[in-house]
Every structure is written in structure tokens, then in C-alpha cells.
C-alpha atoms as a PDB file:
ATOM      1  CA  UNK A   1      -2.953  -6.700   0.918  1.00  0.00           C
ATOM      2  CA  UNK A   2      -3.018 -10.519   0.718  1.00  0.00           C
ATOM      3  CA  UNK A   3      -6.803 -10.516  -0.014  1.00  0.00           C
ATOM      4  CA  UNK A   4      -6.379  -7.919  -2.683  1.00  0.00           C
ATOM      5  CA  UNK A   5      -3.696  -9.828  -4.594  1.00  0.00           C
ATOM      6  CA  UNK A   6      -5.770 -12.959  -4.414  1.00  0.00           C
ATOM      7  CA  UNK A   7      -8.283 -11.304  -6.735  1.00  0.00           C
ATOM      8  CA  UNK A   8      -5.975 -12.450  -9.512  1.00  0.00           C
ATOM      9  CA  UNK A   9      -5.608 -16.227  -8.692  1.00  0.00           C
ATOM     10  CA  UNK A  10      -4.801 -17.443 -12.187  1.00  0.00           C
ATOM     11  CA  UNK A  11      -1.774 -15.083 -12.700  1.00  0.00           C
ATOM     12  CA  UNK A  12       1.752 -15.723 -12.125  1.00  0.00           C
ATOM     13  CA  UNK A  13       2.933 -14.446  -8.687  1.00  0.00           C
ATOM     14  CA  UNK A  14       6.448 -13.154  -7.934  1.00  0.00           C
ATOM     15  CA  UNK A  15       7.207 -12.467  -4.250  1.00  0.00           C
ATOM     16  CA  UNK A  16      10.169 -10.282  -3.900  1.00  0.00           C
ATOM     17  CA  UNK A  17      12.066  -9.747  -0.523  1.00  0.00           C
ATOM     18  CA  UNK A  18      15.418  -9.161   0.822  1.00  0.00           C
ATOM     19  CA  UNK A  19      15.367 -11.680   3.789  1.00  0.00           C
ATOM     20  CA  UNK A  20      18.485 -13.613   2.733  1.00  0.00           C
ATOM     21  CA  UNK A  21      18.710 -15.423   5.877  1.00  0.00           C
ATOM     22  CA  UNK A  22      15.058 -16.503   6.126  1.00  0.00           C
ATOM     23  CA  UNK A  23      14.546 -15.042   9.641  1.00  0.00           C
ATOM     24  CA  UNK A  24      12.162 -12.173   8.879  1.00  0.00           C
ATOM     25  CA  UNK A  25       8.936 -13.377  10.604  1.00  0.00           C
ATOM     26  CA  UNK A  26       6.880 -10.659   8.845  1.00  0.00           C
ATOM     27  CA  UNK A  27       8.126 -11.891   5.454  1.00  0.00           C
ATOM     28  CA  UNK A  28       7.169 -15.389   6.377  1.00  0.00           C
ATOM     29  CA  UNK A  29       3.690 -14.502   7.638  1.00  0.00           C
ATOM     30  CA  UNK A  30       2.935 -12.343   4.587  1.00  0.00           C
ATOM     31  CA  UNK A  31       3.832 -15.202   2.172  1.00  0.00           C
ATOM     32  CA  UNK A  32       1.726 -17.584   4.188  1.00  0.00           C
ATOM     33  CA  UNK A  33      -1.214 -15.119   4.138  1.00  0.00           C
ATOM     34  CA  UNK A  34      -1.078 -14.799   0.320  1.00  0.00           C
ATOM     35  CA  UNK A  35      -1.004 -18.478  -0.193  1.00  0.00           C
ATOM     36  CA  UNK A  36      -3.849 -19.012   2.186  1.00  0.00           C
ATOM     37  CA  UNK A  37      -5.932 -16.453   0.479  1.00  0.00           C
ATOM     38  CA  UNK A  38      -5.107 -17.804  -3.063  1.00  0.00           C
ATOM     39  CA  UNK A  39      -6.016 -21.351  -1.779  1.00  0.00           C
ATOM     40  CA  UNK A  40      -9.570 -20.211  -1.083  1.00  0.00           C
ATOM     41  CA  UNK A  41     -10.051 -19.743  -4.817  1.00  0.00           C
ATOM     42  CA  UNK A  42      -7.993 -22.242  -6.648  1.00  0.00           C
ATOM     43  CA  UNK A  43      -6.355 -25.654  -5.738  1.00  0.00           C
ATOM     44  CA  UNK A  44      -3.049 -25.359  -4.011  1.00  0.00           C
ATOM     45  CA  UNK A  45      -1.102 -27.210  -6.746  1.00  0.00           C
ATOM     46  CA  UNK A  46      -2.533 -24.613  -9.329  1.00  0.00           C
ATOM     47  CA  UNK A  47      -1.020 -21.602  -7.796  1.00  0.00           C
ATOM     48  CA  UNK A  48       1.793 -20.162  -9.614  1.00  0.00           C
ATOM     49  CA  UNK A  49       4.070 -18.649  -6.921  1.00  0.00           C
ATOM     50  CA  UNK A  50       7.714 -17.742  -7.295  1.00  0.00           C
ATOM     51  CA  UNK A  51      10.084 -16.403  -4.655  1.00  0.00           C
ATOM     52  CA  UNK A  52      12.743 -13.961  -5.728  1.00  0.00           C
ATOM     53  CA  UNK A  53      15.517 -12.733  -3.256  1.00  0.00           C
ATOM     54  CA  UNK A  54      16.476  -9.299  -3.979  1.00  0.00           C
ATOM     55  CA  UNK A  55      20.146  -8.522  -4.677  1.00  0.00           C
ATOM     56  CA  UNK A  56      21.426  -4.979  -5.503  1.00  0.00           C
ATOM     57  CA  UNK A  57      22.659  -4.019  -8.981  1.00  0.00           C
ATOM     58  CA  UNK A  58      26.031  -3.257  -7.359  1.00  0.00           C
ATOM     59  CA  UNK A  59      26.239  -7.058  -6.692  1.00  0.00           C
ATOM     60  CA  UNK A  60      24.684  -8.452 -10.005  1.00  0.00           C
ATOM     61  CA  UNK A  61      24.819  -5.635 -12.326  1.00  0.00           C
ATOM     62  CA  UNK A  62      22.547  -6.324 -15.212  1.00  0.00           C
ATOM     63  CA  UNK A  63      21.833  -9.811 -13.918  1.00  0.00           C
ATOM     64  CA  UNK A  64      19.324  -8.379 -11.576  1.00  0.00           C
ATOM     65  CA  UNK A  65      16.957  -7.466 -14.304  1.00  0.00           C
ATOM     66  CA  UNK A  66      17.522 -10.742 -16.044  1.00  0.00           C
ATOM     67  CA  UNK A  67      16.709 -12.694 -12.884  1.00  0.00           C
ATOM     68  CA  UNK A  68      13.435 -10.851 -12.575  1.00  0.00           C
ATOM     69  CA  UNK A  69      12.631 -11.360 -16.353  1.00  0.00           C
ATOM     70  CA  UNK A  70      13.082 -15.069 -15.881  1.00  0.00           C
ATOM     71  CA  UNK A  71      10.659 -15.194 -13.092  1.00  0.00           C
ATOM     72  CA  UNK A  72       7.917 -13.437 -15.258  1.00  0.00           C
ATOM     73  CA  UNK A  73       5.524 -15.270 -17.593  1.00  0.00           C
ATOM     74  CA  UNK A  74       4.609 -14.151 -21.160  1.00  0.00           C
ATOM     75  CA  UNK A  75       1.644 -16.461 -21.187  1.00  0.00           C
ATOM     76  CA  UNK A  76      -0.242 -14.869 -18.404  1.00  0.00           C
ATOM     77  CA  UNK A  77      -0.444 -11.798 -16.262  1.00  0.00           C
ATOM     78  CA  UNK A  78       2.239 -11.272 -13.516  1.00  0.00           C
ATOM     79  CA  UNK A  79       1.504  -9.932 -10.045  1.00  0.00           C
ATOM     80  CA  UNK A  80       4.675  -8.732  -8.383  1.00  0.00           C
ATOM     81  CA  UNK A  81       4.694  -8.269  -4.568  1.00  0.00           C
ATOM     82  CA  UNK A  82       7.330  -6.238  -2.985  1.00  0.00           C
ATOM     83  CA  UNK A  83       7.618  -7.491   0.613  1.00  0.00           C
ATOM     84  CA  UNK A  84      10.061  -4.849   1.934  1.00  0.00           C
ATOM     85  CA  UNK A  85      10.201  -1.457   3.215  1.00  0.00           C
ATOM     86  CA  UNK A  86      13.743  -0.903   2.494  1.00  0.00           C
ATOM     87  CA  UNK A  87      13.871   2.095  -0.170  1.00  0.00           C
ATOM     88  CA  UNK A  88      16.777   0.607  -2.327  1.00  0.00           C
ATOM     89  CA  UNK A  89      14.980  -2.693  -2.561  1.00  0.00           C
ATOM     90  CA  UNK A  90      11.767  -0.923  -3.557  1.00  0.00           C
ATOM     91  CA  UNK A  91      13.403   1.525  -5.858  1.00  0.00           C
ATOM     92  CA  UNK A  92      15.713  -0.979  -7.818  1.00  0.00           C
ATOM     93  CA  UNK A  93      12.889  -3.346  -8.184  1.00  0.00           C
ATOM     94  CA  UNK A  94      10.501  -0.875  -9.569  1.00  0.00           C
ATOM     95  CA  UNK A  95      12.973   0.442 -12.044  1.00  0.00           C
ATOM     96  CA  UNK A  96      13.616  -3.134 -13.271  1.00  0.00           C
ATOM     97  CA  UNK A  97       9.823  -3.857 -13.441  1.00  0.00           C
ATOM     98  CA  UNK A  98       9.337  -0.688 -15.335  1.00  0.00           C
ATOM     99  CA  UNK A  99      11.845  -1.757 -18.034  1.00  0.00           C
ATOM    100  CA  UNK A 100      10.237  -5.201 -18.222  1.00  0.00           C
ATOM    101  CA  UNK A 101       6.838  -3.869 -18.361  1.00  0.00           C
ATOM    102  CA  UNK A 102       7.025  -3.115 -22.100  1.00  0.00           C
ATOM    103  CA  UNK A 103       7.501  -6.943 -22.716  1.00  0.00           C
ATOM    104  CA  UNK A 104       5.289  -8.370 -19.857  1.00  0.00           C
ATOM    105  CA  UNK A 105       1.827  -7.728 -18.389  1.00  0.00           C
ATOM    106  CA  UNK A 106       2.466  -6.832 -14.726  1.00  0.00           C
ATOM    107  CA  UNK A 107       0.612  -5.639 -11.649  1.00  0.00           C
ATOM    108  CA  UNK A 108       2.782  -4.309  -8.801  1.00  0.00           C
ATOM    109  CA  UNK A 109       1.722  -4.290  -5.056  1.00  0.00           C
ATOM    110  CA  UNK A 110       3.807  -3.277  -2.178  1.00  0.00           C
ATOM    111  CA  UNK A 111       3.595  -1.842   1.383  1.00  0.00           C
ATOM    112  CA  UNK A 112       2.237   1.677   2.101  1.00  0.00           C
ATOM    113  CA  UNK A 113       5.737   3.085   2.312  1.00  0.00           C
ATOM    114  CA  UNK A 114       5.799   2.892  -1.468  1.00  0.00           C
ATOM    115  CA  UNK A 115       4.082   6.348  -1.543  1.00  0.00           C
ATOM    116  CA  UNK A 116       6.671   8.015   0.647  1.00  0.00           C
ATOM    117  CA  UNK A 117       9.702   7.288  -1.451  1.00  0.00           C
ATOM    118  CA  UNK A 118      11.176  10.655  -2.509  1.00  0.00           C
ATOM    119  CA  UNK A 119      14.050   9.391  -4.680  1.00  0.00           C
ATOM    120  CA  UNK A 120      11.777   7.581  -7.183  1.00  0.00           C
ATOM    121  CA  UNK A 121      10.300   9.177 -10.287  1.00  0.00           C
ATOM    122  CA  UNK A 122       6.360   9.209  -9.692  1.00  0.00           C
ATOM    123  CA  UNK A 123       6.113   8.360 -13.454  1.00  0.00           C
ATOM    124  CA  UNK A 124       7.005   4.771 -12.673  1.00  0.00           C
ATOM    125  CA  UNK A 125       3.759   4.517 -10.709  1.00  0.00           C
ATOM    126  CA  UNK A 126       1.594   5.785 -13.477  1.00  0.00           C
ATOM    127  CA  UNK A 127       3.251   3.672 -16.140  1.00  0.00           C
ATOM    128  CA  UNK A 128       3.003   0.612 -13.977  1.00  0.00           C
ATOM    129  CA  UNK A 129      -0.730   1.221 -13.392  1.00  0.00           C
ATOM    130  CA  UNK A 130       0.181   0.625  -9.788  1.00  0.00           C
ATOM    131  CA  UNK A 131      -2.378  -0.019  -6.899  1.00  0.00           C
ATOM    132  CA  UNK A 132      -1.186   0.456  -3.338  1.00  0.00           C
ATOM    133  CA  UNK A 133      -2.693   0.832   0.092  1.00  0.00           C
ATOM    134  CA  UNK A 134      -1.943   4.090   2.014  1.00  0.00           C
ATOM    135  CA  UNK A 135      -2.962   5.153   5.532  1.00  0.00           C
ATOM    136  CA  UNK A 136      -3.988   8.689   4.321  1.00  0.00           C
ATOM    137  CA  UNK A 137      -5.984  10.254   1.407  1.00  0.00           C
ATOM    138  CA  UNK A 138      -6.867  13.774   0.608  1.00  0.00           C
ATOM    139  CA  UNK A 139      -9.837  14.528  -1.598  1.00  0.00           C
ATOM    140  CA  UNK A 140      -8.949  18.135  -2.684  1.00  0.00           C
ATOM    141  CA  UNK A 141     -12.601  18.729  -4.015  1.00  0.00           C
ATOM    142  CA  UNK A 142     -14.136  18.639  -0.492  1.00  0.00           C
ATOM    143  CA  UNK A 143     -14.994  21.997   0.858  1.00  0.00           C
ATOM    144  CA  UNK A 144     -13.301  21.204   4.308  1.00  0.00           C
ATOM    145  CA  UNK A 145      -9.964  20.497   2.459  1.00  0.00           C
ATOM    146  CA  UNK A 146     -10.237  23.734   0.488  1.00  0.00           C
ATOM    147  CA  UNK A 147     -10.898  25.703   3.657  1.00  0.00           C
ATOM    148  CA  UNK A 148      -8.045  24.065   5.598  1.00  0.00           C
ATOM    149  CA  UNK A 149      -5.673  25.025   2.663  1.00  0.00           C
ATOM    150  CA  UNK A 150      -6.845  28.455   2.647  1.00  0.00           C
ATOM    151  CA  UNK A 151      -6.398  29.034   6.377  1.00  0.00           C
ATOM    152  CA  UNK A 152      -3.017  27.320   6.333  1.00  0.00           C
ATOM    153  CA  UNK A 153      -1.926  29.589   3.314  1.00  0.00           C
ATOM    154  CA  UNK A 154      -3.122  32.746   5.119  1.00  0.00           C
ATOM    155  CA  UNK A 155      -1.030  31.778   8.202  1.00  0.00           C
ATOM    156  CA  UNK A 156       2.010  30.246   6.641  1.00  0.00           C
ATOM    157  CA  UNK A 157       1.984  31.624   3.191  1.00  0.00           C
ATOM    158  CA  UNK A 158       2.201  28.054   1.720  1.00  0.00           C
ATOM    159  CA  UNK A 159       0.091  24.957   1.496  1.00  0.00           C
ATOM    160  CA  UNK A 160       0.886  21.678   3.385  1.00  0.00           C
ATOM    161  CA  UNK A 161       2.283  18.695   1.507  1.00  0.00           C
ATOM    162  CA  UNK A 162       0.279  15.486   1.335  1.00  0.00           C
ATOM    163  CA  UNK A 163       2.466  13.936   3.978  1.00  0.00           C
ATOM    164  CA  UNK A 164       2.632  16.959   6.225  1.00  0.00           C
ATOM    165  CA  UNK A 165       2.107  16.753  10.064  1.00  0.00           C
ATOM    166  CA  UNK A 166      -0.264  19.685   9.597  1.00  0.00           C
ATOM    167  CA  UNK A 167      -3.030  17.098   8.269  1.00  0.00           C
ATOM    168  CA  UNK A 168      -2.139  14.520  10.755  1.00  0.00           C
ATOM    169  CA  UNK A 169      -1.882  16.889  13.771  1.00  0.00           C
ATOM    170  CA  UNK A 170      -5.282  18.271  12.914  1.00  0.00           C
ATOM    171  CA  UNK A 171      -7.025  14.966  12.491  1.00  0.00           C
ATOM    172  CA  UNK A 172      -5.476  13.374  15.605  1.00  0.00           C
ATOM    173  CA  UNK A 173      -6.371  16.375  17.724  1.00  0.00           C
ATOM    174  CA  UNK A 174      -9.844  16.606  16.465  1.00  0.00           C
ATOM    175  CA  UNK A 175     -10.676  12.934  16.675  1.00  0.00           C
ATOM    176  CA  UNK A 176      -9.473  12.396  20.178  1.00  0.00           C
ATOM    177  CA  UNK A 177     -10.674  15.733  21.777  1.00  0.00           C
ATOM    178  CA  UNK A 178     -14.019  15.445  20.215  1.00  0.00           C
ATOM    179  CA  UNK A 179     -14.341  11.804  20.947  1.00  0.00           C
ATOM    180  CA  UNK A 180     -13.570  12.354  24.634  1.00  0.00           C
ATOM    181  CA  UNK A 181     -15.743  15.383  24.695  1.00  0.00           C
ATOM    182  CA  UNK A 182     -18.856  13.625  23.185  1.00  0.00           C
ATOM    183  CA  UNK A 183     -18.475  10.155  24.598  1.00  0.00           C
ATOM    184  CA  UNK A 184     -16.288  10.265  27.662  1.00  0.00           C
ATOM    185  CA  UNK A 185     -15.106   7.031  29.068  1.00  0.00           C
ATOM    186  CA  UNK A 186     -17.064   5.053  26.607  1.00  0.00           C
ATOM    187  CA  UNK A 187     -14.873   6.355  23.816  1.00  0.00           C
ATOM    188  CA  UNK A 188     -11.768   5.053  25.551  1.00  0.00           C
ATOM    189  CA  UNK A 189     -13.249   1.638  25.851  1.00  0.00           C
ATOM    190  CA  UNK A 190     -14.820   1.631  22.467  1.00  0.00           C
ATOM    191  CA  UNK A 191     -13.397   4.079  19.881  1.00  0.00           C
ATOM    192  CA  UNK A 192     -15.700   2.804  17.215  1.00  0.00           C
ATOM    193  CA  UNK A 193     -18.556   4.795  18.666  1.00  0.00           C
ATOM    194  CA  UNK A 194     -17.133   8.078  17.287  1.00  0.00           C
ATOM    195  CA  UNK A 195     -16.536   8.295  13.573  1.00  0.00           C
ATOM    196  CA  UNK A 196     -16.226  12.054  12.547  1.00  0.00           C
ATOM    197  CA  UNK A 197     -15.335  13.199   9.151  1.00  0.00           C
ATOM    198  CA  UNK A 198     -11.519  13.992   9.080  1.00  0.00           C
ATOM    199  CA  UNK A 199      -9.391  15.509   6.546  1.00  0.00           C
ATOM    200  CA  UNK A 200      -6.299  13.124   5.915  1.00  0.00           C
ATOM    201  CA  UNK A 201      -7.009   9.952   7.853  1.00  0.00           C
ATOM    202  CA  UNK A 202      -9.943   7.795   8.843  1.00  0.00           C
ATOM    203  CA  UNK A 203      -9.547   5.926  12.114  1.00  0.00           C
ATOM    204  CA  UNK A 204     -10.585   2.350  12.566  1.00  0.00           C
ATOM    205  CA  UNK A 205      -9.201   1.371  16.049  1.00  0.00           C
ATOM    206  CA  UNK A 206      -9.487  -2.373  16.770  1.00  0.00           C
ATOM    207  CA  UNK A 207      -7.791  -4.731  19.120  1.00  0.00           C
ATOM    208  CA  UNK A 208      -7.329  -8.489  18.772  1.00  0.00           C
ATOM    209  CA  UNK A 209      -7.906  -9.446  22.443  1.00  0.00           C
ATOM    210  CA  UNK A 210      -9.534  -7.838  25.501  1.00  0.00           C
ATOM    211  CA  UNK A 211      -6.330  -6.980  27.097  1.00  0.00           C
ATOM    212  CA  UNK A 212      -4.645  -5.642  24.056  1.00  0.00           C
ATOM    213  CA  UNK A 213      -4.157  -2.151  22.995  1.00  0.00           C
ATOM    214  CA  UNK A 214      -6.048  -0.508  19.964  1.00  0.00           C
ATOM    215  CA  UNK A 215      -4.415  -0.269  16.596  1.00  0.00           C
ATOM    216  CA  UNK A 216      -5.747   1.767  13.737  1.00  0.00           C
ATOM    217  CA  UNK A 217      -6.196  -0.571  10.737  1.00  0.00           C
ATOM    218  CA  UNK A 218      -7.622   1.785   8.252  1.00  0.00           C
ATOM    219  CA  UNK A 219      -6.003   1.790   4.920  1.00  0.00           C
ATOM    220  CA  UNK A 220      -7.017   3.373   1.589  1.00  0.00           C
ATOM    221  CA  UNK A 221      -6.613   1.614  -1.736  1.00  0.00           C
ATOM    222  CA  UNK A 222      -5.501   4.064  -4.339  1.00  0.00           C
ATOM    223  CA  UNK A 223      -4.717   3.637  -8.043  1.00  0.00           C
ATOM    224  CA  UNK A 224      -2.171   5.330 -10.063  1.00  0.00           C
ATOM    225  CA  UNK A 225      -3.667   5.356 -13.692  1.00  0.00           C
ATOM    226  CA  UNK A 226      -1.968   5.399 -16.965  1.00  0.00           C
ATOM    227  CA  UNK A 227      -3.895   8.794 -17.611  1.00  0.00           C
ATOM    228  CA  UNK A 228      -1.625  10.181 -14.691  1.00  0.00           C
ATOM    229  CA  UNK A 229      -4.612  10.357 -12.183  1.00  0.00           C
ATOM    230  CA  UNK A 230      -4.556   9.133  -8.555  1.00  0.00           C
ATOM    231  CA  UNK A 231      -7.917   7.546  -7.738  1.00  0.00           C
ATOM    232  CA  UNK A 232      -9.507   6.181  -4.716  1.00  0.00           C
ATOM    233  CA  UNK A 233     -10.549   2.603  -5.316  1.00  0.00           C
ATOM    234  CA  UNK A 234     -13.790   1.263  -4.050  1.00  0.00           C
ATOM    235  CA  UNK A 235     -12.869  -2.211  -2.628  1.00  0.00           C
ATOM    236  CA  UNK A 236     -16.460  -3.268  -2.409  1.00  0.00           C
ATOM    237  CA  UNK A 237     -16.533  -3.369  -6.196  1.00  0.00           C
ATOM    238  CA  UNK A 238     -13.363  -5.576  -6.596  1.00  0.00           C
ATOM    239  CA  UNK A 239     -14.139  -8.362  -8.975  1.00  0.00           C
ATOM    240  CA  UNK A 240     -12.190 -11.676  -9.087  1.00  0.00           C
ATOM    241  CA  UNK A 241     -10.527 -12.502 -12.471  1.00  0.00           C
END
């Protein structure tokens, strides 16, 4: 995510978080990663980076949107980064950004949990031309997806939602059972030897050090367009501004 936002080095960055005590190590690390990535493309003193501590509307009422408005620039584009997984922080921030987007040029980035919010009107995502990383992606044009939906509908008289455990359960079981069957102990030591075509996820298990466990680091970059489409982005074609 830090690498992705650094594709816009000349824009005004607004880093939004709720770490009022300054003790959240993840927020600190994320902030440092963004600055480091930007520093690879422009001199440090040319980076336009503002930090905005989130306060709920119940505390500041209309001043919450005014605080955000003062952090934005009318002379350049604005990249807003929501460094929180707290639904109220994300929801209220997106509502404020949506109101200000008529006046300011904004791009919004956040953690993958953005896509799981159920109390937020999806229209905000499309209106804001939002891009986000997500650990899953379903291409409904694929024959395997159509067949899975058909089989599921026959058995349960409905189709699974995009975040259903039906997709995850199938992919996890298929990945590990087939990996063990085909590669045996080699699969346990080196999961990258096995890359089957899955439905909902794609696993990229890596570990930092020899004694560490493996962690799936695969994320998809998706784009909610103003034409009300959700598109999978090709990160290899990213062009720096």
C-alpha cells in the first residue's frame, strides 16, 4: 500500500488515524513506510505530508469536516490514507471525504477491511473512484466460478456472497489437500511449488526468516470506477505521476 500511494509523489498527502496516544506501532510503521517510499522519488523536504488525528462527529460536530477540509489542497491532488481498521473511523472519514470531493481532487486509500463494511453506502466507493487492496477477488466470467455457483445453487437454493466462507473453504481445502497430494513434504517446506487455479483467493506464502512461519501476502488491487464497475487493476502497468 505504501508503494502504491508513492505513485503520486507530487500530491498532497493526508494521513488519517485514531492513535491519539501515539502508541500504535502499526500506525507509526505505516507512516514511516510511506515517507520512505516517497523519498525514493522526490527530496524529503518536497513531500507534502499532513497527519490528521480522527475525532468523531459526536465530539466535534461539523468541525470534523472543516478540519479535514483545511488539510486538503485546492492547488494539487490529494491522497488520503485511512490508517485504521475501526469501522466508525473509516465510515465517518469517507462520508466527510465524499462531501469534500465536489470541491477537491481526492484519491482515497485504506486497509482491506474497507470492503467489508456493511453500514456504508457502496456509492461512496464509486463516487470517490476508490482503489483498495483486498485479499480476495471473484471473476464471475470464469467457467469455474459459474460452475461453482450453479452447484451451490442446486444444493442450497441460493448463491454465496463474495465474502462467504463457501469460497474460502473450497480454496483452502483444495489448495492444501492437492499441495500435499502432489508435492508431499516439499510442499510443507516450500509452498511456492504449488500454484493451482483457485476461485476466491490466490495464496502467496512467504516467511521472513528460516525459523518463522509462513504468511499469505497475496492482495488484489481493485478499482471502484465512476461508471459503477469494480475492476481488477494490473499493478505492473502502474505509471508514476
